[in-house]
PDB file of N, CA and C in Angstrom:
ATOM      1  N   UNK A   1      21.352 -16.424  13.525  1.00  0.00           N
ATOM      2  CA  UNK A   1      19.880 -16.330  13.757  1.00  0.00           C
ATOM      3  C   UNK A   1      19.913 -15.923  14.739  1.00  0.00           C
ATOM      4  N   UNK A   2      19.359 -14.532  15.114  1.00  0.00           N
ATOM      5  CA  UNK A   2      19.025 -13.781  16.754  1.00  0.00           C
ATOM      6  C   UNK A   2      17.965 -14.433  17.270  1.00  0.00           C
ATOM      7  N   UNK A   3      18.280 -14.661  18.721  1.00  0.00           N
ATOM      8  CA  UNK A   3      17.239 -14.856  19.601  1.00  0.00           C
ATOM      9  C   UNK A   3      16.754 -13.679  20.024  1.00  0.00           C
ATOM     10  N   UNK A   4      15.417 -13.628  20.112  1.00  0.00           N
ATOM     11  CA  UNK A   4      14.786 -11.726  20.362  1.00  0.00           C
ATOM     12  C   UNK A   4      13.655 -12.640  21.889  1.00  0.00           C
ATOM     13  N   UNK A   5      13.860 -11.752  22.455  1.00  0.00           N
ATOM     14  CA  UNK A   5      12.945 -11.508  23.508  1.00  0.00           C
ATOM     15  C   UNK A   5      11.604 -10.674  23.306  1.00  0.00           C
ATOM     16  N   UNK A   6      10.786 -10.963  23.948  1.00  0.00           N
ATOM     17  CA  UNK A   6       9.138  -9.775  23.928  1.00  0.00           C
ATOM     18  C   UNK A   6       8.045 -10.684  24.421  1.00  0.00           C
ATOM     19  N   UNK A   7       7.505  -9.724  24.778  1.00  0.00           N
ATOM     20  CA  UNK A   7       6.893 -10.274  25.928  1.00  0.00           C
ATOM     21  C   UNK A   7       4.895 -10.212  25.213  1.00  0.00           C
ATOM     22  N   UNK A   8       4.496 -11.097  25.200  1.00  0.00           N
ATOM     23  CA  UNK A   8       2.917 -11.625  24.982  1.00  0.00           C
ATOM     24  C   UNK A   8       1.998 -11.662  26.079  1.00  0.00           C
ATOM     25  N   UNK A   9       0.872 -10.495  25.691  1.00  0.00           N
ATOM     26  CA  UNK A   9       0.113 -10.175  26.843  1.00  0.00           C
ATOM     27  C   UNK A   9      -0.906 -11.622  27.701  1.00  0.00           C
ATOM     28  N   UNK A  10      -0.705 -12.462  26.600  1.00  0.00           N
ATOM     29  CA  UNK A  10      -1.442 -13.945  27.740  1.00  0.00           C
ATOM     30  C   UNK A  10      -0.337 -14.920  28.034  1.00  0.00           C
ATOM     31  N   UNK A  11       0.687 -15.242  27.209  1.00  0.00           N
ATOM     32  CA  UNK A  11       2.051 -15.787  27.908  1.00  0.00           C
ATOM     33  C   UNK A  11       2.983 -15.207  28.716  1.00  0.00           C
ATOM     34  N   UNK A  12       3.121 -14.264  29.027  1.00  0.00           N
ATOM     35  CA  UNK A  12       4.133 -13.451  29.106  1.00  0.00           C
ATOM     36  C   UNK A  12       5.464 -12.767  28.319  1.00  0.00           C
ATOM     37  N   UNK A  13       6.685 -13.532  28.798  1.00  0.00           N
ATOM     38  CA  UNK A  13       7.717 -13.462  28.155  1.00  0.00           C
ATOM     39  C   UNK A  13       8.135 -14.525  27.163  1.00  0.00           C
ATOM     40  N   UNK A  14       8.539 -14.136  25.956  1.00  0.00           N
ATOM     41  CA  UNK A  14       8.787 -15.376  24.899  1.00  0.00           C
ATOM     42  C   UNK A  14      10.352 -15.092  24.062  1.00  0.00           C
ATOM     43  N   UNK A  15      10.413 -15.845  23.680  1.00  0.00           N
ATOM     44  CA  UNK A  15      11.904 -16.255  22.966  1.00  0.00           C
ATOM     45  C   UNK A  15      11.406 -16.446  21.195  1.00  0.00           C
ATOM     46  N   UNK A  16      11.401 -15.530  20.812  1.00  0.00           N
ATOM     47  CA  UNK A  16      11.811 -15.890  19.240  1.00  0.00           C
ATOM     48  C   UNK A  16      12.996 -15.655  18.545  1.00  0.00           C
ATOM     49  N   UNK A  17      13.000 -15.792  16.982  1.00  0.00           N
ATOM     50  CA  UNK A  17      14.349 -15.424  16.276  1.00  0.00           C
ATOM     51  C   UNK A  17      13.625 -14.162  15.249  1.00  0.00           C
ATOM     52  N   UNK A  18      14.944 -13.877  14.721  1.00  0.00           N
ATOM     53  CA  UNK A  18      14.797 -12.431  13.962  1.00  0.00           C
ATOM     54  C   UNK A  18      13.950 -12.771  12.781  1.00  0.00           C
ATOM     55  N   UNK A  19      13.346 -14.211  12.142  1.00  0.00           N
ATOM     56  CA  UNK A  19      12.289 -14.077  11.631  1.00  0.00           C
ATOM     57  C   UNK A  19      10.946 -14.297  12.070  1.00  0.00           C
ATOM     58  N   UNK A  20      10.519 -14.176  13.209  1.00  0.00           N
ATOM     59  CA  UNK A  20       9.548 -14.387  13.457  1.00  0.00           C
ATOM     60  C   UNK A  20       9.297 -12.723  14.100  1.00  0.00           C
ATOM     61  N   UNK A  21       9.859 -11.532  13.667  1.00  0.00           N
ATOM     62  CA  UNK A  21       9.495 -10.046  14.092  1.00  0.00           C
ATOM     63  C   UNK A  21       9.434  -9.665  12.487  1.00  0.00           C
ATOM     64  N   UNK A  22       8.767  -8.659  12.652  1.00  0.00           N
ATOM     65  CA  UNK A  22       8.671  -7.306  11.715  1.00  0.00           C
ATOM     66  C   UNK A  22       8.973  -5.936  12.300  1.00  0.00           C
ATOM     67  N   UNK A  23       9.822  -5.439  11.900  1.00  0.00           N
ATOM     68  CA  UNK A  23       9.935  -3.885  12.293  1.00  0.00           C
ATOM     69  C   UNK A  23       9.067  -2.814  11.426  1.00  0.00           C
ATOM     70  N   UNK A  24       7.974  -2.418  11.732  1.00  0.00           N
ATOM     71  CA  UNK A  24       7.277  -1.028  10.936  1.00  0.00           C
ATOM     72  C   UNK A  24       7.974   0.188  11.130  1.00  0.00           C
ATOM     73  N   UNK A  25       8.449   1.222  10.521  1.00  0.00           N
ATOM     74  CA  UNK A  25       8.862   2.615  10.729  1.00  0.00           C
ATOM     75  C   UNK A  25       8.160   3.392   9.165  1.00  0.00           C
ATOM     76  N   UNK A  26       7.486   4.715  10.199  1.00  0.00           N
ATOM     77  CA  UNK A  26       6.662   5.359   9.646  1.00  0.00           C
ATOM     78  C   UNK A  26       7.522   6.805   8.830  1.00  0.00           C
ATOM     79  N   UNK A  27       7.698   6.557   7.542  1.00  0.00           N
ATOM     80  CA  UNK A  27       8.549   7.558   7.117  1.00  0.00           C
ATOM     81  C   UNK A  27       8.391   9.154   7.313  1.00  0.00           C
ATOM     82  N   UNK A  28       7.262   9.515   7.560  1.00  0.00           N
ATOM     83  CA  UNK A  28       6.527  10.807   7.977  1.00  0.00           C
ATOM     84  C   UNK A  28       7.476  11.410   9.281  1.00  0.00           C
ATOM     85  N   UNK A  29       6.945  10.331  10.395  1.00  0.00           N
ATOM     86  CA  UNK A  29       7.567  10.843  11.909  1.00  0.00           C
ATOM     87  C   UNK A  29       8.638  10.163  12.096  1.00  0.00           C
ATOM     88  N   UNK A  30       9.221   8.938  11.495  1.00  0.00           N
ATOM     89  CA  UNK A  30       9.577   8.382  12.077  1.00  0.00           C
ATOM     90  C   UNK A  30       9.478   7.121  13.373  1.00  0.00           C
ATOM     91  N   UNK A  31       8.329   7.168  13.929  1.00  0.00           N
ATOM     92  CA  UNK A  31       7.660   6.030  14.579  1.00  0.00           C
ATOM     93  C   UNK A  31       7.932   4.905  14.435  1.00  0.00           C
ATOM     94  N   UNK A  32       8.102   4.017  15.090  1.00  0.00           N
ATOM     95  CA  UNK A  32       8.475   2.428  14.874  1.00  0.00           C
ATOM     96  C   UNK A  32       7.715   1.527  15.564  1.00  0.00           C
ATOM     97  N   UNK A  33       7.356   0.335  15.670  1.00  0.00           N
ATOM     98  CA  UNK A  33       6.796  -0.564  16.029  1.00  0.00           C
ATOM     99  C   UNK A  33       6.990  -1.919  15.396  1.00  0.00           C
ATOM    100  N   UNK A  34       7.387  -2.982  16.408  1.00  0.00           N
ATOM    101  CA  UNK A  34       7.662  -4.193  16.028  1.00  0.00           C
ATOM    102  C   UNK A  34       6.284  -4.939  16.288  1.00  0.00           C
ATOM    103  N   UNK A  35       5.904  -6.018  14.994  1.00  0.00           N
ATOM    104  CA  UNK A  35       4.847  -6.876  15.663  1.00  0.00           C
ATOM    105  C   UNK A  35       5.391  -8.246  15.476  1.00  0.00           C
ATOM    106  N   UNK A  36       4.796  -9.218  16.148  1.00  0.00           N
ATOM    107  CA  UNK A  36       5.173 -10.591  16.121  1.00  0.00           C
ATOM    108  C   UNK A  36       4.135 -11.179  16.250  1.00  0.00           C
ATOM    109  N   UNK A  37       3.720 -12.777  16.212  1.00  0.00           N
ATOM    110  CA  UNK A  37       3.043 -13.699  16.697  1.00  0.00           C
ATOM    111  C   UNK A  37       3.444 -15.197  17.896  1.00  0.00           C
ATOM    112  N   UNK A  38       2.780 -14.624  18.945  1.00  0.00           N
ATOM    113  CA  UNK A  38       3.258 -15.605  19.997  1.00  0.00           C
ATOM    114  C   UNK A  38       3.621 -16.911  19.830  1.00  0.00           C
ATOM    115  N   UNK A  39       4.569 -17.977  19.604  1.00  0.00           N
ATOM    116  CA  UNK A  39       4.683 -19.093  19.551  1.00  0.00           C
ATOM    117  C   UNK A  39       4.258 -19.809  20.255  1.00  0.00           C
ATOM    118  N   UNK A  40       3.982 -19.600  21.155  1.00  0.00           N
ATOM    119  CA  UNK A  40       3.048 -20.535  22.264  1.00  0.00           C
ATOM    120  C   UNK A  40       1.671 -20.339  22.016  1.00  0.00           C
ATOM    121  N   UNK A  41       0.694 -19.321  21.526  1.00  0.00           N
ATOM    122  CA  UNK A  41      -0.645 -19.346  21.627  1.00  0.00           C
ATOM    123  C   UNK A  41      -1.086 -18.873  20.681  1.00  0.00           C
ATOM    124  N   UNK A  42      -0.188 -18.004  19.283  1.00  0.00           N
ATOM    125  CA  UNK A  42      -0.559 -17.523  18.141  1.00  0.00           C
ATOM    126  C   UNK A  42      -0.738 -16.060  18.566  1.00  0.00           C
ATOM    127  N   UNK A  43      -1.294 -15.577  19.276  1.00  0.00           N
ATOM    128  CA  UNK A  43      -1.878 -13.824  19.363  1.00  0.00           C
ATOM    129  C   UNK A  43      -1.178 -13.146  19.039  1.00  0.00           C
ATOM    130  N   UNK A  44      -1.187 -12.390  18.011  1.00  0.00           N
ATOM    131  CA  UNK A  44      -0.315 -11.033  17.300  1.00  0.00           C
ATOM    132  C   UNK A  44       0.148  -9.789  18.424  1.00  0.00           C
ATOM    133  N   UNK A  45       0.574  -9.701  18.789  1.00  0.00           N
ATOM    134  CA  UNK A  45       1.050  -8.693  19.924  1.00  0.00           C
ATOM    135  C   UNK A  45       2.161  -7.453  18.633  1.00  0.00           C
ATOM    136  N   UNK A  46       1.517  -6.376  18.760  1.00  0.00           N
ATOM    137  CA  UNK A  46       2.245  -4.848  18.579  1.00  0.00           C
ATOM    138  C   UNK A  46       3.209  -4.233  19.860  1.00  0.00           C
ATOM    139  N   UNK A  47       4.202  -4.052  19.305  1.00  0.00           N
ATOM    140  CA  UNK A  47       5.146  -3.095  20.385  1.00  0.00           C
ATOM    141  C   UNK A  47       5.301  -1.790  19.934  1.00  0.00           C
ATOM    142  N   UNK A  48       5.290  -0.963  20.462  1.00  0.00           N
ATOM    143  CA  UNK A  48       6.421   0.883  20.148  1.00  0.00           C
ATOM    144  C   UNK A  48       7.691   0.283  20.343  1.00  0.00           C
ATOM    145  N   UNK A  49       8.497   0.914  19.412  1.00  0.00           N
ATOM    146  CA  UNK A  49      10.098   1.248  19.352  1.00  0.00           C
ATOM    147  C   UNK A  49      10.526   2.338  19.368  1.00  0.00           C
ATOM    148  N   UNK A  50      11.574   2.435  20.083  1.00  0.00           N
ATOM    149  CA  UNK A  50      12.163   3.821  19.881  1.00  0.00           C
ATOM    150  C   UNK A  50      13.374   3.048  18.952  1.00  0.00           C
ATOM    151  N   UNK A  51      13.929   4.155  18.448  1.00  0.00           N
ATOM    152  CA  UNK A  51      14.646   4.780  17.201  1.00  0.00           C
ATOM    153  C   UNK A  51      15.623   3.253  17.636  1.00  0.00           C
ATOM    154  N   UNK A  52      16.424   3.169  18.873  1.00  0.00           N
ATOM    155  CA  UNK A  52      17.433   2.491  19.306  1.00  0.00           C
ATOM    156  C   UNK A  52      17.384   1.070  19.179  1.00  0.00           C
ATOM    157  N   UNK A  53      15.944   0.407  19.538  1.00  0.00           N
ATOM    158  CA  UNK A  53      15.314  -0.788  19.343  1.00  0.00           C
ATOM    159  C   UNK A  53      15.083  -1.190  17.846  1.00  0.00           C
ATOM    160  N   UNK A  54      14.513  -0.259  17.148  1.00  0.00           N
ATOM    161  CA  UNK A  54      14.361  -0.279  15.553  1.00  0.00           C
ATOM    162  C   UNK A  54      15.676  -1.050  15.136  1.00  0.00           C
ATOM    163  N   UNK A  55      16.761  -0.012  15.407  1.00  0.00           N
ATOM    164  CA  UNK A  55      18.208  -0.380  15.135  1.00  0.00           C
ATOM    165  C   UNK A  55      18.783  -1.536  15.528  1.00  0.00           C
ATOM    166  N   UNK A  56      18.266  -1.619  16.586  1.00  0.00           N
ATOM    167  CA  UNK A  56      19.130  -3.234  17.301  1.00  0.00           C
ATOM    168  C   UNK A  56      17.932  -4.330  16.865  1.00  0.00           C
ATOM    169  N   UNK A  57      16.801  -4.247  16.586  1.00  0.00           N
ATOM    170  CA  UNK A  57      16.167  -5.254  15.558  1.00  0.00           C
ATOM    171  C   UNK A  57      16.819  -5.525  14.675  1.00  0.00           C
ATOM    172  N   UNK A  58      16.742  -4.237  13.537  1.00  0.00           N
ATOM    173  CA  UNK A  58      16.901  -4.390  11.708  1.00  0.00           C
ATOM    174  C   UNK A  58      18.655  -5.162  11.748  1.00  0.00           C
ATOM    175  N   UNK A  59      19.516  -4.736  12.989  1.00  0.00           N
ATOM    176  CA  UNK A  59      20.801  -5.447  12.824  1.00  0.00           C
ATOM    177  C   UNK A  59      20.788  -6.521  13.044  1.00  0.00           C
ATOM    178  N   UNK A  60      19.706  -7.102  13.748  1.00  0.00           N
ATOM    179  CA  UNK A  60      20.053  -8.872  14.468  1.00  0.00           C
ATOM    180  C   UNK A  60      19.081  -9.811  13.298  1.00  0.00           C
ATOM    181  N   UNK A  61      18.456  -8.602  11.904  1.00  0.00           N
ATOM    182  CA  UNK A  61      18.388  -9.528  11.334  1.00  0.00           C
ATOM    183  C   UNK A  61      16.808  -9.396  10.968  1.00  0.00           C
ATOM    184  N   UNK A  62      16.185  -8.066  11.567  1.00  0.00           N
ATOM    185  CA  UNK A  62      14.442  -8.293  11.577  1.00  0.00           C
ATOM    186  C   UNK A  62      14.251  -7.707  10.611  1.00  0.00           C
ATOM    187  N   UNK A  63      13.249  -8.364   9.217  1.00  0.00           N
ATOM    188  CA  UNK A  63      12.382  -6.974   8.536  1.00  0.00           C
ATOM    189  C   UNK A  63      12.189  -6.106   8.782  1.00  0.00           C
ATOM    190  N   UNK A  64      12.461  -4.962   7.908  1.00  0.00           N
ATOM    191  CA  UNK A  64      11.837  -3.864   8.469  1.00  0.00           C
ATOM    192  C   UNK A  64      11.407  -3.281   7.155  1.00  0.00           C
ATOM    193  N   UNK A  65       9.779  -2.413   7.710  1.00  0.00           N
ATOM    194  CA  UNK A  65       9.118  -2.232   6.606  1.00  0.00           C
ATOM    195  C   UNK A  65       8.856  -0.764   6.760  1.00  0.00           C
ATOM    196  N   UNK A  66       8.694  -0.112   5.550  1.00  0.00           N
ATOM    197  CA  UNK A  66       8.595   1.153   6.054  1.00  0.00           C
ATOM    198  C   UNK A  66       7.027   1.676   5.328  1.00  0.00           C
ATOM    199  N   UNK A  67       6.457   2.439   5.676  1.00  0.00           N
ATOM    200  CA  UNK A  67       5.357   3.064   5.414  1.00  0.00           C
ATOM    201  C   UNK A  67       4.539   4.545   5.568  1.00  0.00           C
ATOM    202  N   UNK A  68       3.909   5.124   5.202  1.00  0.00           N
ATOM    203  CA  UNK A  68       3.584   6.391   5.044  1.00  0.00           C
ATOM    204  C   UNK A  68       2.209   6.596   5.388  1.00  0.00           C
ATOM    205  N   UNK A  69       2.381   7.679   6.020  1.00  0.00           N
ATOM    206  CA  UNK A  69       0.884   7.869   6.410  1.00  0.00           C
ATOM    207  C   UNK A  69       0.205   8.738   5.125  1.00  0.00           C
ATOM    208  N   UNK A  70      -1.229   8.661   5.002  1.00  0.00           N
ATOM    209  CA  UNK A  70      -2.271   8.647   4.051  1.00  0.00           C
ATOM    210  C   UNK A  70      -2.161  10.224   3.471  1.00  0.00           C
ATOM    211  N   UNK A  71      -2.099  10.421   2.515  1.00  0.00           N
ATOM    212  CA  UNK A  71      -1.891  12.030   2.103  1.00  0.00           C
ATOM    213  C   UNK A  71      -3.337  12.671   2.502  1.00  0.00           C
ATOM    214  N   UNK A  72      -4.425  12.310   2.773  1.00  0.00           N
ATOM    215  CA  UNK A  72      -5.762  12.577   2.813  1.00  0.00           C
ATOM    216  C   UNK A  72      -5.544  13.446   4.517  1.00  0.00           C
ATOM    217  N   UNK A  73      -4.349  12.797   5.125  1.00  0.00           N
ATOM    218  CA  UNK A  73      -4.544  13.341   6.412  1.00  0.00           C
ATOM    219  C   UNK A  73      -3.837  15.025   6.464  1.00  0.00           C
ATOM    220  N   UNK A  74      -3.078  15.791   5.435  1.00  0.00           N
ATOM    221  CA  UNK A  74      -2.424  16.958   5.118  1.00  0.00           C
ATOM    222  C   UNK A  74      -3.528  17.528   4.471  1.00  0.00           C
ATOM    223  N   UNK A  75      -4.342  16.810   3.941  1.00  0.00           N
ATOM    224  CA  UNK A  75      -5.649  17.930   3.022  1.00  0.00           C
ATOM    225  C   UNK A  75      -6.317  18.747   4.105  1.00  0.00           C
ATOM    226  N   UNK A  76      -6.651  19.333   3.221  1.00  0.00           N
ATOM    227  CA  UNK A  76      -7.701  20.859   4.103  1.00  0.00           C
ATOM    228  C   UNK A  76      -8.910  20.227   4.152  1.00  0.00           C
ATOM    229  N   UNK A  77      -9.970  20.130   4.789  1.00  0.00           N
ATOM    230  CA  UNK A  77     -11.578  19.742   4.669  1.00  0.00           C
ATOM    231  C   UNK A  77     -12.115  20.976   5.355  1.00  0.00           C
ATOM    232  N   UNK A  78     -12.928  20.891   4.504  1.00  0.00           N
ATOM    233  CA  UNK A  78     -14.288  22.056   4.403  1.00  0.00           C
ATOM    234  C   UNK A  78     -15.650  21.618   4.842  1.00  0.00           C
ATOM    235  N   UNK A  79     -16.552  22.046   5.976  1.00  0.00           N
ATOM    236  CA  UNK A  79     -17.585  21.658   6.050  1.00  0.00           C
ATOM    237  C   UNK A  79     -17.643  21.279   6.817  1.00  0.00           C
ATOM    238  N   UNK A  80     -18.868  20.552   7.597  1.00  0.00           N
ATOM    239  CA  UNK A  80     -19.326  20.017   8.558  1.00  0.00           C
ATOM    240  C   UNK A  80     -19.003  18.513   8.534  1.00  0.00           C
ATOM    241  N   UNK A  81     -18.654  17.894   9.733  1.00  0.00           N
ATOM    242  CA  UNK A  81     -18.239  16.429   9.375  1.00  0.00           C
ATOM    243  C   UNK A  81     -19.407  15.584   9.084  1.00  0.00           C
ATOM    244  N   UNK A  82     -19.619  14.415   8.498  1.00  0.00           N
ATOM    245  CA  UNK A  82     -20.270  13.517   7.968  1.00  0.00           C
ATOM    246  C   UNK A  82     -21.095  12.882   9.337  1.00  0.00           C
ATOM    247  N   UNK A  83     -22.285  13.162   9.447  1.00  0.00           N
ATOM    248  CA  UNK A  83     -23.346  12.449  10.400  1.00  0.00           C
ATOM    249  C   UNK A  83     -23.764  11.017  10.193  1.00  0.00           C
ATOM    250  N   UNK A  84     -24.412  10.305  11.321  1.00  0.00           N
ATOM    251  CA  UNK A  84     -25.105   9.129  11.131  1.00  0.00           C
ATOM    252  C   UNK A  84     -26.270   9.476  10.230  1.00  0.00           C
ATOM    253  N   UNK A  85     -27.002  10.470  10.264  1.00  0.00           N
ATOM    254  CA  UNK A  85     -28.015  10.909   9.032  1.00  0.00           C
ATOM    255  C   UNK A  85     -27.337  10.944   8.139  1.00  0.00           C
ATOM    256  N   UNK A  86     -26.355  11.618   7.327  1.00  0.00           N
ATOM    257  CA  UNK A  86     -25.619  11.607   6.053  1.00  0.00           C
ATOM    258  C   UNK A  86     -25.668  10.709   5.589  1.00  0.00           C
ATOM    259  N   UNK A  87     -24.836   9.535   6.358  1.00  0.00           N
ATOM    260  CA  UNK A  87     -24.683   8.059   5.926  1.00  0.00           C
ATOM    261  C   UNK A  87     -26.315   7.136   5.489  1.00  0.00           C
ATOM    262  N   UNK A  88     -27.386   7.886   6.372  1.00  0.00           N
ATOM    263  CA  UNK A  88     -28.615   6.847   6.007  1.00  0.00           C
ATOM    264  C   UNK A  88     -29.200   7.461   4.978  1.00  0.00           C
ATOM    265  N   UNK A  89     -28.725   8.873   4.768  1.00  0.00           N
ATOM    266  CA  UNK A  89     -29.603   9.300   3.279  1.00  0.00           C
ATOM    267  C   UNK A  89     -28.565   8.896   2.513  1.00  0.00           C
ATOM    268  N   UNK A  90     -27.477   8.861   2.306  1.00  0.00           N
ATOM    269  CA  UNK A  90     -26.565   8.245   1.355  1.00  0.00           C
ATOM    270  C   UNK A  90     -26.948   6.972   0.685  1.00  0.00           C
ATOM    271  N   UNK A  91     -27.321   5.797   2.082  1.00  0.00           N
ATOM    272  CA  UNK A  91     -27.219   4.729   1.788  1.00  0.00           C
ATOM    273  C   UNK A  91     -29.113   4.817   1.069  1.00  0.00           C
ATOM    274  N   UNK A  92     -29.677   5.406   1.526  1.00  0.00           N
ATOM    275  CA  UNK A  92     -31.269   5.417   0.617  1.00  0.00           C
ATOM    276  C   UNK A  92     -31.283   6.121  -0.696  1.00  0.00           C
ATOM    277  N   UNK A  93     -30.387   7.361  -1.102  1.00  0.00           N
ATOM    278  CA  UNK A  93     -29.961   7.458  -2.470  1.00  0.00           C
ATOM    279  C   UNK A  93     -29.361   6.048  -2.999  1.00  0.00           C
ATOM    280  N   UNK A  94     -28.626   5.611  -2.769  1.00  0.00           N
ATOM    281  CA  UNK A  94     -28.185   4.639  -3.010  1.00  0.00           C
ATOM    282  C   UNK A  94     -28.986   3.825  -3.472  1.00  0.00           C
ATOM    283  N   UNK A  95     -30.200   3.348  -2.893  1.00  0.00           N
ATOM    284  CA  UNK A  95     -31.462   2.269  -3.691  1.00  0.00           C
ATOM    285  C   UNK A  95     -32.084   2.475  -4.450  1.00  0.00           C
ATOM    286  N   UNK A  96     -32.018   4.176  -4.855  1.00  0.00           N
ATOM    287  CA  UNK A  96     -33.105   4.525  -6.056  1.00  0.00           C
ATOM    288  C   UNK A  96     -31.900   4.168  -7.457  1.00  0.00           C
ATOM    289  N   UNK A  97     -32.794   4.122  -8.849  1.00  0.00           N
ATOM    290  CA  UNK A  97     -32.347   4.015  -9.628  1.00  0.00           C
ATOM    291  C   UNK A  97     -31.900   4.575 -10.525  1.00  0.00           C
ATOM    292  N   UNK A  98     -31.942   5.692 -10.204  1.00  0.00           N
ATOM    293  CA  UNK A  98     -30.977   6.752 -11.109  1.00  0.00           C
ATOM    294  C   UNK A  98     -29.897   7.804  -9.824  1.00  0.00           C
ATOM    295  N   UNK A  99     -29.125   6.924  -9.001  1.00  0.00           N
ATOM    296  CA  UNK A  99     -28.638   7.418  -7.686  1.00  0.00           C
ATOM    297  C   UNK A  99     -27.817   8.264  -8.033  1.00  0.00           C
ATOM    298  N   UNK A 100     -26.998   8.006  -9.232  1.00  0.00           N
ATOM    299  CA  UNK A 100     -25.817   8.604  -9.824  1.00  0.00           C
ATOM    300  C   UNK A 100     -25.872   9.918 -10.647  1.00  0.00           C
ATOM    301  N   UNK A 101     -27.186  10.283 -10.955  1.00  0.00           N
ATOM    302  CA  UNK A 101     -27.709  11.271 -11.868  1.00  0.00           C
ATOM    303  C   UNK A 101     -28.065  12.292 -10.465  1.00  0.00           C
ATOM    304  N   UNK A 102     -28.418  12.002 -10.040  1.00  0.00           N
ATOM    305  CA  UNK A 102     -29.183  12.305  -8.427  1.00  0.00           C
ATOM    306  C   UNK A 102     -27.884  13.025  -7.902  1.00  0.00           C
ATOM    307  N   UNK A 103     -26.955  12.215  -7.320  1.00  0.00           N
ATOM    308  CA  UNK A 103     -25.651  12.332  -6.971  1.00  0.00           C
ATOM    309  C   UNK A 103     -24.906  13.562  -7.519  1.00  0.00           C
ATOM    310  N   UNK A 104     -24.858  13.473  -8.694  1.00  0.00           N
ATOM    311  CA  UNK A 104     -23.557  14.309  -9.782  1.00  0.00           C
ATOM    312  C   UNK A 104     -24.924  15.953  -9.590  1.00  0.00           C
ATOM    313  N   UNK A 105     -25.950  15.908  -9.488  1.00  0.00           N
ATOM    314  CA  UNK A 105     -26.938  17.170  -9.456  1.00  0.00           C
ATOM    315  C   UNK A 105     -26.693  17.956  -8.256  1.00  0.00           C
ATOM    316  N   UNK A 106     -26.728  16.768  -6.820  1.00  0.00           N
ATOM    317  CA  UNK A 106     -26.436  17.202  -5.274  1.00  0.00           C
ATOM    318  C   UNK A 106     -24.946  17.880  -5.158  1.00  0.00           C
ATOM    319  N   UNK A 107     -23.934  17.257  -6.462  1.00  0.00           N
ATOM    320  CA  UNK A 107     -22.447  17.773  -5.949  1.00  0.00           C
ATOM    321  C   UNK A 107     -21.891  18.896  -6.763  1.00  0.00           C
ATOM    322  N   UNK A 108     -22.867  18.933  -7.767  1.00  0.00           N
ATOM    323  CA  UNK A 108     -22.107  20.001  -9.069  1.00  0.00           C
ATOM    324  C   UNK A 108     -21.931  21.338  -8.157  1.00  0.00           C
ATOM    325  N   UNK A 109     -20.620  21.837  -8.733  1.00  0.00           N
ATOM    326  CA  UNK A 109     -19.979  23.019  -8.356  1.00  0.00           C
ATOM    327  C   UNK A 109     -19.845  22.853  -6.993  1.00  0.00           C
ATOM    328  N   UNK A 110     -19.671  21.710  -5.850  1.00  0.00           N
ATOM    329  CA  UNK A 110     -19.096  21.841  -4.906  1.00  0.00           C
ATOM    330  C   UNK A 110     -17.684  21.461  -4.962  1.00  0.00           C
ATOM    331  N   UNK A 111     -16.660  22.042  -4.166  1.00  0.00           N
ATOM    332  CA  UNK A 111     -15.687  21.438  -4.620  1.00  0.00           C
ATOM    333  C   UNK A 111     -14.744  21.621  -3.017  1.00  0.00           C
TER     334      UNK A 111
END
């Protein structure tokens, strides 16, 4: 099992084994990070990792997790952004007994 050095924001340089870290790589853009819990203070740490660091860590036995950006990021959005007033109005709507039918009538024909 490999010994890996990292830096904890609270404790400074620390040593861990490959079981103590996880490498995360985004499928969409290839960006990588590694995360760990400090063995001394147990604070969670996340650091960016260049592709060569990702390869070195994975080769050393660190678990690799891949993830994807949400599909909603590539959707086109129309209309103004939601405001605090919109959220308050929606909250008030949810407190009415016929909120679902009122919501359906408000959104009928909107796409």
